Amino acid sequence: MEHLWAPWRIGYVTAEQPEGCIFCVKPAAGDDEANQILHRGDLVCIMLNAYPYNTGHLMIAPYRHVAEPLDLEPQESGELIYCIRIAMEILRASFAPEGFNIGMNVGRVAGAGYADHVHVHVVPRWSGDTNFMAVVADTRVVPEALADSYRKLKDALAKRADEARER
């Protein structure tokens, strides 16, 4: 059996968790830039992950607090899938990834940090992006500040909206 070690995750695991559900609290706060919310749909939003696996790691969640995909209304499911498309488009425009990991962890035992609120991770990937630093130095290299990633992605989102209006 092979083992995958992820020592950089200890910062997330041991950090004091904010009170409440981030997928409820952040959208309700109204300050999208401070909360790194990139896009608000009618039922779903896209935000940056504060503990990214890679630059541009996004999370997509419905506003409604539901634990599992089976609890989503059909309209929420549809908008969630559409937001995956938006996320991929703006990540491609901003960072030119070579691939993506897209998925969700349903339940605490499956790795969900917020098991009571369903959300999808969209992680851009590049050849060689898993480097030795995480293993030998207990360090994860994320080469760009979240605020810089936020600005790049917001610009790509605005450009996407402009192009849609022109069609």
N, C-alpha and C. Protein backbone atom coordinates (compact mmCIF):
# COMPACT_ATOMS: atom_id res chain seq x y z
N MET A 1 0.85 -1.18 0.00
CA MET A 1 0.00 0.00 0.00
C MET A 1 0.89 1.24 0.00
N GLU A 2 0.53 2.22 -0.81
CA GLU A 2 1.24 3.48 -0.84
C GLU A 2 0.56 4.47 0.09
N HIS A 3 1.32 5.42 0.62
CA HIS A 3 0.78 6.43 1.50
C HIS A 3 0.99 7.80 0.88
N LEU A 4 0.00 8.62 0.99
CA LEU A 4 0.11 10.00 0.54
C LEU A 4 0.14 10.88 1.77
N TRP A 5 1.25 11.55 1.99
CA TRP A 5 1.40 12.42 3.15
C TRP A 5 1.12 13.85 2.74
N ALA A 6 0.38 14.56 3.57
CA ALA A 6 0.04 15.95 3.29
C ALA A 6 0.28 16.79 4.55
N PRO A 7 1.55 16.95 4.96
CA PRO A 7 1.82 17.65 6.22
C PRO A 7 1.42 19.12 6.22
N TRP A 8 1.31 19.76 5.08
CA TRP A 8 0.92 21.17 5.04
C TRP A 8 -0.52 21.37 5.50
N ARG A 9 -1.32 20.32 5.50
CA ARG A 9 -2.72 20.42 5.93
C ARG A 9 -2.85 20.59 7.44
N ILE A 10 -1.77 20.35 8.18
CA ILE A 10 -1.85 20.46 9.63
C ILE A 10 -2.22 21.88 10.05
N GLY A 11 -1.81 22.87 9.29
CA GLY A 11 -2.18 24.26 9.59
C GLY A 11 -3.69 24.44 9.59
N TYR A 12 -4.34 23.81 8.64
CA TYR A 12 -5.79 23.88 8.57
C TYR A 12 -6.43 23.07 9.70
N VAL A 13 -5.90 21.88 9.93
CA VAL A 13 -6.48 20.99 10.92
C VAL A 13 -6.37 21.57 12.33
N THR A 14 -5.23 22.20 12.65
CA THR A 14 -5.01 22.69 14.00
C THR A 14 -5.42 24.14 14.20
N ALA A 15 -5.71 24.87 13.12
CA ALA A 15 -6.11 26.28 13.25
C ALA A 15 -7.46 26.38 13.95
N GLU A 16 -7.62 27.46 14.69
CA GLU A 16 -8.90 27.71 15.32
C GLU A 16 -9.93 27.97 14.22
N GLN A 17 -10.96 27.18 14.21
CA GLN A 17 -11.97 27.29 13.17
C GLN A 17 -12.89 28.47 13.45
N PRO A 18 -13.24 29.23 12.41
CA PRO A 18 -14.15 30.36 12.63
C PRO A 18 -15.52 29.85 13.10
N GLU A 19 -16.20 30.70 13.84
CA GLU A 19 -17.52 30.33 14.32
C GLU A 19 -18.50 30.34 13.16
N GLY A 20 -19.34 29.34 13.10
CA GLY A 20 -20.33 29.26 12.04
C GLY A 20 -19.77 28.61 10.79
N CYS A 21 -20.62 28.46 9.83
CA CYS A 21 -20.28 27.83 8.56
C CYS A 21 -19.77 28.91 7.59
N ILE A 22 -18.56 28.73 7.07
CA ILE A 22 -18.01 29.75 6.16
C ILE A 22 -18.87 29.93 4.92
N PHE A 23 -19.56 28.87 4.49
CA PHE A 23 -20.37 28.95 3.29
C PHE A 23 -21.68 29.69 3.54
N CYS A 24 -22.01 29.91 4.81
CA CYS A 24 -23.17 30.72 5.18
C CYS A 24 -22.73 32.12 5.62
N VAL A 25 -21.69 32.18 6.46
CA VAL A 25 -21.24 33.43 7.05
C VAL A 25 -20.64 34.38 6.00
N LYS A 26 -19.75 33.86 5.17
CA LYS A 26 -19.06 34.73 4.21
C LYS A 26 -20.03 35.38 3.21
N PRO A 27 -20.91 34.64 2.56
CA PRO A 27 -21.85 35.31 1.65
C PRO A 27 -22.79 36.29 2.35
N ALA A 28 -23.15 36.01 3.59
CA ALA A 28 -24.06 36.89 4.33
C ALA A 28 -23.37 38.18 4.76
N ALA A 29 -22.04 38.17 4.86
CA ALA A 29 -21.31 39.35 5.34
C ALA A 29 -21.40 40.53 4.38
N GLY A 30 -21.54 40.25 3.08
CA GLY A 30 -21.69 41.32 2.11
C GLY A 30 -20.41 41.92 1.59
N ASP A 31 -19.26 41.61 2.15
CA ASP A 31 -17.98 42.14 1.68
C ASP A 31 -17.28 41.06 0.87
N ASP A 32 -17.58 41.02 -0.42
CA ASP A 32 -17.09 39.93 -1.26
C ASP A 32 -15.58 39.90 -1.38
N GLU A 33 -14.94 41.05 -1.49
CA GLU A 33 -13.49 41.04 -1.63
C GLU A 33 -12.82 40.54 -0.35
N ALA A 34 -13.25 41.01 0.80
CA ALA A 34 -12.67 40.56 2.07
C ALA A 34 -12.90 39.06 2.29
N ASN A 35 -14.02 38.56 1.79
CA ASN A 35 -14.35 37.14 1.95
C ASN A 35 -13.99 36.31 0.73
N GLN A 36 -13.34 36.94 -0.24
CA GLN A 36 -12.84 36.29 -1.45
C GLN A 36 -13.93 35.55 -2.22
N ILE A 37 -15.10 36.18 -2.27
CA ILE A 37 -16.20 35.66 -3.07
C ILE A 37 -16.07 36.27 -4.46
N LEU A 38 -15.89 35.43 -5.45
CA LEU A 38 -15.66 35.88 -6.82
C LEU A 38 -16.94 36.08 -7.60
N HIS A 39 -17.89 35.20 -7.39
CA HIS A 39 -19.12 35.20 -8.21
C HIS A 39 -20.30 34.83 -7.33
N ARG A 40 -21.40 35.56 -7.53
CA ARG A 40 -22.65 35.25 -6.86
C ARG A 40 -23.70 34.94 -7.92
N GLY A 41 -24.17 33.72 -7.91
CA GLY A 41 -25.31 33.37 -8.74
C GLY A 41 -26.58 33.59 -7.94
N ASP A 42 -27.70 33.14 -8.48
CA ASP A 42 -28.96 33.26 -7.74
C ASP A 42 -28.99 32.34 -6.52
N LEU A 43 -28.37 31.15 -6.66
CA LEU A 43 -28.47 30.13 -5.61
C LEU A 43 -27.12 29.63 -5.10
N VAL A 44 -26.04 30.00 -5.80
CA VAL A 44 -24.72 29.42 -5.57
C VAL A 44 -23.66 30.51 -5.70
N CYS A 45 -22.56 30.38 -4.97
CA CYS A 45 -21.45 31.32 -5.13
C CYS A 45 -20.13 30.57 -5.31
N ILE A 46 -19.15 31.31 -5.84
CA ILE A 46 -17.79 30.80 -6.03
C ILE A 46 -16.86 31.64 -5.17
N MET A 47 -15.99 30.97 -4.38
CA MET A 47 -15.03 31.70 -3.55
C MET A 47 -13.67 31.01 -3.59
N LEU A 48 -12.64 31.78 -3.27
CA LEU A 48 -11.30 31.23 -3.13
C LEU A 48 -11.22 30.41 -1.84
N ASN A 49 -10.43 29.36 -1.87
CA ASN A 49 -10.16 28.57 -0.68
C ASN A 49 -9.04 29.26 0.10
N ALA A 50 -9.26 29.52 1.38
CA ALA A 50 -8.26 30.19 2.22
C ALA A 50 -7.05 29.29 2.50
N TYR A 51 -7.20 27.98 2.33
CA TYR A 51 -6.12 27.02 2.52
C TYR A 51 -5.94 26.23 1.23
N PRO A 52 -5.45 26.90 0.18
CA PRO A 52 -5.44 26.27 -1.16
C PRO A 52 -4.42 25.16 -1.30
N TYR A 53 -4.80 24.16 -2.09
CA TYR A 53 -3.84 23.14 -2.51
C TYR A 53 -2.92 23.70 -3.59
N ASN A 54 -3.45 24.59 -4.40
CA ASN A 54 -2.72 25.25 -5.48
C ASN A 54 -3.26 26.66 -5.63
N THR A 55 -2.49 27.52 -6.28
CA THR A 55 -2.96 28.85 -6.61
C THR A 55 -4.26 28.75 -7.39
N GLY A 56 -5.25 29.52 -6.98
CA GLY A 56 -6.52 29.53 -7.70
C GLY A 56 -7.53 28.50 -7.23
N HIS A 57 -7.23 27.75 -6.18
CA HIS A 57 -8.15 26.72 -5.66
C HIS A 57 -9.47 27.39 -5.27
N LEU A 58 -10.54 27.00 -5.95
CA LEU A 58 -11.86 27.59 -5.72
C LEU A 58 -12.81 26.60 -5.07
N MET A 59 -13.81 27.15 -4.39
CA MET A 59 -14.89 26.34 -3.83
C MET A 59 -16.21 26.93 -4.30
N ILE A 60 -17.15 26.05 -4.60
CA ILE A 60 -18.47 26.44 -5.08
C ILE A 60 -19.50 25.85 -4.12
N ALA A 61 -20.39 26.70 -3.62
CA ALA A 61 -21.36 26.22 -2.63
C ALA A 61 -22.70 26.92 -2.82
N PRO A 62 -23.78 26.19 -2.53
CA PRO A 62 -25.09 26.85 -2.53
C PRO A 62 -25.18 27.78 -1.31
N TYR A 63 -26.04 28.79 -1.39
CA TYR A 63 -26.27 29.65 -0.23
C TYR A 63 -27.01 28.89 0.86
N ARG A 64 -27.88 28.01 0.45
CA ARG A 64 -28.68 27.25 1.40
C ARG A 64 -27.80 26.22 2.10
N HIS A 65 -27.94 26.11 3.38
CA HIS A 65 -27.13 25.21 4.21
C HIS A 65 -27.69 23.80 4.12
N VAL A 66 -27.08 22.98 3.25
CA VAL A 66 -27.47 21.58 3.09
C VAL A 66 -26.21 20.72 3.12
N ALA A 67 -26.34 19.51 3.67
CA ALA A 67 -25.18 18.68 3.91
C ALA A 67 -24.75 17.83 2.72
N GLU A 68 -25.68 17.43 1.88
CA GLU A 68 -25.35 16.47 0.82
C GLU A 68 -25.91 16.90 -0.53
N PRO A 69 -25.27 16.43 -1.60
CA PRO A 69 -25.80 16.73 -2.93
C PRO A 69 -27.24 16.26 -3.10
N LEU A 70 -27.61 15.19 -2.43
CA LEU A 70 -28.98 14.68 -2.54
C LEU A 70 -30.00 15.63 -1.93
N ASP A 71 -29.54 16.56 -1.09
CA ASP A 71 -30.43 17.52 -0.46
C ASP A 71 -30.64 18.77 -1.31
N LEU A 72 -29.89 18.91 -2.40
CA LEU A 72 -30.02 20.09 -3.26
C LEU A 72 -31.30 20.02 -4.09
N GLU A 73 -31.89 21.18 -4.30
CA GLU A 73 -33.01 21.30 -5.24
C GLU A 73 -32.43 21.21 -6.65
N PRO A 74 -33.23 20.79 -7.62
CA PRO A 74 -32.71 20.68 -9.00
C PRO A 74 -32.09 21.99 -9.51
N GLN A 75 -32.68 23.12 -9.18
CA GLN A 75 -32.13 24.41 -9.65
C GLN A 75 -30.76 24.68 -9.02
N GLU A 76 -30.60 24.30 -7.76
CA GLU A 76 -29.30 24.48 -7.10
C GLU A 76 -28.25 23.57 -7.76
N SER A 77 -28.62 22.33 -8.03
CA SER A 77 -27.70 21.40 -8.69
C SER A 77 -27.26 21.94 -10.04
N GLY A 78 -28.23 22.43 -10.81
CA GLY A 78 -27.92 22.97 -12.13
C GLY A 78 -26.98 24.16 -12.06
N GLU A 79 -27.25 25.09 -11.14
CA GLU A 79 -26.41 26.27 -11.03
C GLU A 79 -25.02 25.90 -10.50
N LEU A 80 -24.95 24.92 -9.62
CA LEU A 80 -23.67 24.47 -9.11
C LEU A 80 -22.80 23.94 -10.25
N ILE A 81 -23.38 23.12 -11.11
CA ILE A 81 -22.64 22.59 -12.26
C ILE A 81 -22.24 23.73 -13.20
N TYR A 82 -23.13 24.68 -13.42
CA TYR A 82 -22.81 25.81 -14.29
C TYR A 82 -21.65 26.62 -13.68
N CYS A 83 -21.61 26.75 -12.37
CA CYS A 83 -20.53 27.49 -11.72
C CYS A 83 -19.19 26.76 -11.83
N ILE A 84 -19.21 25.44 -11.94
CA ILE A 84 -17.97 24.71 -12.22
C ILE A 84 -17.42 25.17 -13.57
N ARG A 85 -18.30 25.32 -14.54
CA ARG A 85 -17.88 25.81 -15.86
C ARG A 85 -17.28 27.20 -15.75
N ILE A 86 -17.96 28.10 -15.04
CA ILE A 86 -17.45 29.46 -14.85
C ILE A 86 -16.07 29.41 -14.20
N ALA A 87 -15.94 28.61 -13.15
CA ALA A 87 -14.67 28.49 -12.43
C ALA A 87 -13.55 28.04 -13.37
N MET A 88 -13.82 27.01 -14.17
CA MET A 88 -12.80 26.52 -15.09
C MET A 88 -12.44 27.59 -16.12
N GLU A 89 -13.42 28.30 -16.64
CA GLU A 89 -13.14 29.34 -17.64
C GLU A 89 -12.26 30.44 -17.08
N ILE A 90 -12.59 30.93 -15.87
CA ILE A 90 -11.79 32.04 -15.33
C ILE A 90 -10.42 31.57 -14.85
N LEU A 91 -10.33 30.33 -14.39
CA LEU A 91 -9.01 29.81 -14.02
C LEU A 91 -8.14 29.64 -15.26
N ARG A 92 -8.71 29.15 -16.34
CA ARG A 92 -7.94 29.02 -17.59
C ARG A 92 -7.47 30.38 -18.08
N ALA A 93 -8.36 31.37 -18.04
CA ALA A 93 -8.01 32.71 -18.50
C ALA A 93 -6.96 33.37 -17.61
N SER A 94 -6.96 33.06 -16.33
CA SER A 94 -6.06 33.72 -15.39
C SER A 94 -4.73 33.00 -15.19
N PHE A 95 -4.74 31.66 -15.20
CA PHE A 95 -3.55 30.92 -14.80
C PHE A 95 -3.11 29.85 -15.80
N ALA A 96 -3.88 29.60 -16.84
CA ALA A 96 -3.54 28.60 -17.87
C ALA A 96 -3.17 27.24 -17.29
N PRO A 97 -4.01 26.67 -16.42
CA PRO A 97 -3.68 25.34 -15.90
C PRO A 97 -3.75 24.29 -17.00
N GLU A 98 -3.06 23.19 -16.77
CA GLU A 98 -3.04 22.08 -17.73
C GLU A 98 -4.13 21.05 -17.44
N GLY A 99 -4.74 21.16 -16.29
CA GLY A 99 -5.80 20.24 -15.90
C GLY A 99 -6.49 20.73 -14.64
N PHE A 100 -7.44 19.96 -14.16
CA PHE A 100 -8.20 20.32 -12.96
C PHE A 100 -8.51 19.08 -12.14
N ASN A 101 -8.57 19.25 -10.84
CA ASN A 101 -9.23 18.30 -9.96
C ASN A 101 -10.54 18.97 -9.56
N ILE A 102 -11.64 18.27 -9.75
CA ILE A 102 -12.96 18.79 -9.39
C ILE A 102 -13.65 17.71 -8.56
N GLY A 103 -14.08 18.10 -7.37
CA GLY A 103 -14.74 17.10 -6.54
C GLY A 103 -15.28 17.64 -5.25
N MET A 104 -15.95 16.75 -4.53
CA MET A 104 -16.48 17.11 -3.22
C MET A 104 -16.26 15.96 -2.26
N ASN A 105 -16.07 16.33 -1.00
CA ASN A 105 -15.95 15.38 0.08
C ASN A 105 -17.27 15.43 0.85
N VAL A 106 -18.01 14.35 0.83
CA VAL A 106 -19.33 14.32 1.46
C VAL A 106 -19.20 13.58 2.78
N GLY A 107 -19.32 14.32 3.89
CA GLY A 107 -19.19 13.75 5.22
C GLY A 107 -17.80 13.94 5.79
N ARG A 108 -17.72 14.06 7.08
CA ARG A 108 -16.43 14.27 7.76
C ARG A 108 -15.47 13.11 7.48
N VAL A 109 -15.97 11.88 7.49
CA VAL A 109 -15.13 10.71 7.27
C VAL A 109 -14.51 10.73 5.87
N ALA A 110 -15.14 11.43 4.93
CA ALA A 110 -14.62 11.54 3.57
C ALA A 110 -13.68 12.73 3.40
N GLY A 111 -13.44 13.47 4.48
CA GLY A 111 -12.50 14.57 4.41
C GLY A 111 -13.11 15.95 4.35
N ALA A 112 -14.43 16.05 4.48
CA ALA A 112 -15.08 17.36 4.41
C ALA A 112 -14.74 18.18 5.64
N GLY A 113 -14.11 19.34 5.43
CA GLY A 113 -13.83 20.26 6.53
C GLY A 113 -15.10 20.91 7.04
N TYR A 114 -16.04 21.12 6.17
CA TYR A 114 -17.36 21.65 6.51
C TYR A 114 -18.37 20.61 6.03
N ALA A 115 -18.58 19.61 6.84
CA ALA A 115 -19.40 18.46 6.43
C ALA A 115 -20.88 18.79 6.36
N ASP A 116 -21.30 19.87 6.99
CA ASP A 116 -22.73 20.19 7.02
C ASP A 116 -23.17 21.09 5.87
N HIS A 117 -22.23 21.49 5.01
CA HIS A 117 -22.59 22.37 3.89
C HIS A 117 -21.88 21.86 2.63
N VAL A 118 -22.64 21.31 1.72
CA VAL A 118 -22.08 20.75 0.50
C VAL A 118 -21.33 21.82 -0.29
N HIS A 119 -20.19 21.45 -0.83
CA HIS A 119 -19.40 22.36 -1.66
C HIS A 119 -18.50 21.55 -2.58
N VAL A 120 -18.15 22.15 -3.70
CA VAL A 120 -17.31 21.53 -4.72
C VAL A 120 -15.98 22.26 -4.76
N HIS A 121 -14.89 21.51 -4.81
CA HIS A 121 -13.56 22.08 -4.97
C HIS A 121 -13.18 22.04 -6.45
N VAL A 122 -12.63 23.13 -6.95
CA VAL A 122 -12.07 23.18 -8.30
C VAL A 122 -10.61 23.61 -8.12
N VAL A 123 -9.70 22.67 -8.38
CA VAL A 123 -8.27 22.90 -8.15
C VAL A 123 -7.54 22.86 -9.48
N PRO A 124 -6.96 24.00 -9.90
CA PRO A 124 -6.17 23.98 -11.13
C PRO A 124 -4.87 23.20 -10.92
N ARG A 125 -4.42 22.51 -11.97
CA ARG A 125 -3.23 21.67 -11.88
C ARG A 125 -2.29 21.93 -13.04
N TRP A 126 -1.01 21.79 -12.77
CA TRP A 126 0.05 21.93 -13.76
C TRP A 126 1.01 20.76 -13.61
N SER A 127 1.66 20.39 -14.68
CA SER A 127 2.69 19.34 -14.60
C SER A 127 3.74 19.76 -13.58
N GLY A 128 4.05 18.87 -12.67
CA GLY A 128 5.09 19.16 -11.69
C GLY A 128 4.66 20.05 -10.55
N ASP A 129 3.36 20.32 -10.39
CA ASP A 129 2.95 21.24 -9.32
C ASP A 129 3.04 20.62 -7.93
N THR A 130 3.18 19.33 -7.84
CA THR A 130 3.39 18.69 -6.54
C THR A 130 4.88 18.57 -6.36
N ASN A 131 5.44 19.44 -5.53
CA ASN A 131 6.89 19.45 -5.43
C ASN A 131 7.37 18.85 -4.11
N PHE A 132 8.65 18.73 -3.97
CA PHE A 132 9.26 18.06 -2.82
C PHE A 132 9.16 18.88 -1.54
N MET A 133 8.92 20.18 -1.61
CA MET A 133 8.92 21.03 -0.42
C MET A 133 7.91 20.56 0.62
N ALA A 134 6.75 20.11 0.18
CA ALA A 134 5.72 19.69 1.13
C ALA A 134 6.17 18.49 1.94
N VAL A 135 7.00 17.66 1.37
CA VAL A 135 7.43 16.44 2.05
C VAL A 135 8.66 16.70 2.92
N VAL A 136 9.65 17.40 2.38
CA VAL A 136 10.92 17.53 3.10
C VAL A 136 10.96 18.73 4.04
N ALA A 137 10.15 19.72 3.83
CA ALA A 137 10.25 20.92 4.65
C ALA A 137 8.95 21.28 5.35
N ASP A 138 7.94 20.41 5.30
CA ASP A 138 6.65 20.70 5.92
C ASP A 138 6.14 22.06 5.44
N THR A 139 6.35 22.33 4.16
CA THR A 139 6.00 23.62 3.57
C THR A 139 5.28 23.38 2.26
N ARG A 140 4.23 24.13 2.03
CA ARG A 140 3.51 24.06 0.76
C ARG A 140 3.81 25.35 0.01
N VAL A 141 4.23 25.23 -1.22
CA VAL A 141 4.56 26.40 -2.02
C VAL A 141 3.33 26.81 -2.83
N VAL A 142 2.77 27.94 -2.47
CA VAL A 142 1.69 28.55 -3.23
C VAL A 142 2.24 29.92 -3.63
N PRO A 143 2.60 30.09 -4.90
CA PRO A 143 3.42 31.21 -5.30
C PRO A 143 2.72 32.56 -5.41
N GLU A 144 1.45 32.62 -5.05
CA GLU A 144 0.75 33.89 -5.21
C GLU A 144 -0.18 34.13 -4.03
N ALA A 145 -0.23 35.37 -3.56
CA ALA A 145 -1.11 35.74 -2.46
C ALA A 145 -2.57 35.61 -2.88
N LEU A 146 -3.44 35.27 -1.93
CA LEU A 146 -4.86 35.12 -2.25
C LEU A 146 -5.45 36.40 -2.83
N ALA A 147 -5.04 37.56 -2.32
CA ALA A 147 -5.57 38.83 -2.84
C ALA A 147 -5.21 39.02 -4.31
N ASP A 148 -4.00 38.61 -4.70
CA ASP A 148 -3.60 38.72 -6.10
C ASP A 148 -4.39 37.75 -6.98
N SER A 149 -4.58 36.53 -6.49
CA SER A 149 -5.39 35.55 -7.23
C SER A 149 -6.82 36.07 -7.37
N TYR A 150 -7.36 36.64 -6.32
CA TYR A 150 -8.72 37.19 -6.34
C TYR A 150 -8.85 38.23 -7.45
N ARG A 151 -7.91 39.18 -7.51
CA ARG A 151 -7.97 40.24 -8.54
C ARG A 151 -7.89 39.66 -9.95
N LYS A 152 -6.98 38.72 -10.18
CA LYS A 152 -6.87 38.11 -11.51
C LYS A 152 -8.17 37.41 -11.91
N LEU A 153 -8.74 36.67 -10.98
CA LEU A 153 -9.96 35.93 -11.28
C LEU A 153 -11.16 36.86 -11.45
N LYS A 154 -11.23 37.93 -10.66
CA LYS A 154 -12.32 38.91 -10.83
C LYS A 154 -12.21 39.59 -12.20
N ASP A 155 -11.00 39.90 -12.63
CA ASP A 155 -10.80 40.49 -13.96
C ASP A 155 -11.25 39.52 -15.05
N ALA A 156 -10.90 38.25 -14.91
CA ALA A 156 -11.32 37.25 -15.90
C ALA A 156 -12.84 37.08 -15.89
N LEU A 157 -13.44 37.17 -14.74
CA LEU A 157 -14.90 37.07 -14.63
C LEU A 157 -15.57 38.26 -15.30
N ALA A 158 -15.03 39.47 -15.11
CA ALA A 158 -15.58 40.66 -15.75
C ALA A 158 -15.44 40.58 -17.27
N LYS A 159 -14.30 40.11 -17.74
CA LYS A 159 -14.08 39.95 -19.18
C LYS A 159 -15.06 38.92 -19.76
N ARG A 160 -15.29 37.84 -19.03
CA ARG A 160 -16.24 36.80 -19.44
C ARG A 160 -17.64 37.39 -19.57
N ALA A 161 -18.04 38.23 -18.61
CA ALA A 161 -19.35 38.87 -18.63
C ALA A 161 -19.47 39.83 -19.82
N ASP A 162 -18.41 40.60 -20.07
CA ASP A 162 -18.41 41.53 -21.21
C ASP A 162 -18.58 40.77 -22.53
N GLU A 163 -17.86 39.67 -22.68
CA GLU A 163 -17.95 38.87 -23.90
C GLU A 163 -19.35 38.28 -24.06
N ALA A 164 -19.97 37.87 -22.98
CA ALA A 164 -21.32 37.31 -23.04
C ALA A 164 -22.32 38.38 -23.46
N ARG A 165 -22.13 39.61 -22.99
CA ARG A 165 -23.04 40.71 -23.37
C ARG A 165 -22.91 41.05 -24.86
N GLU A 166 -21.69 40.90 -25.40
CA GLU A 166 -21.46 41.23 -26.80
C GLU A 166 -22.06 40.21 -27.74
N ARG A 167 -22.31 39.02 -27.26
CA ARG A 167 -22.87 37.97 -28.11
C ARG A 167 -24.32 38.20 -28.40
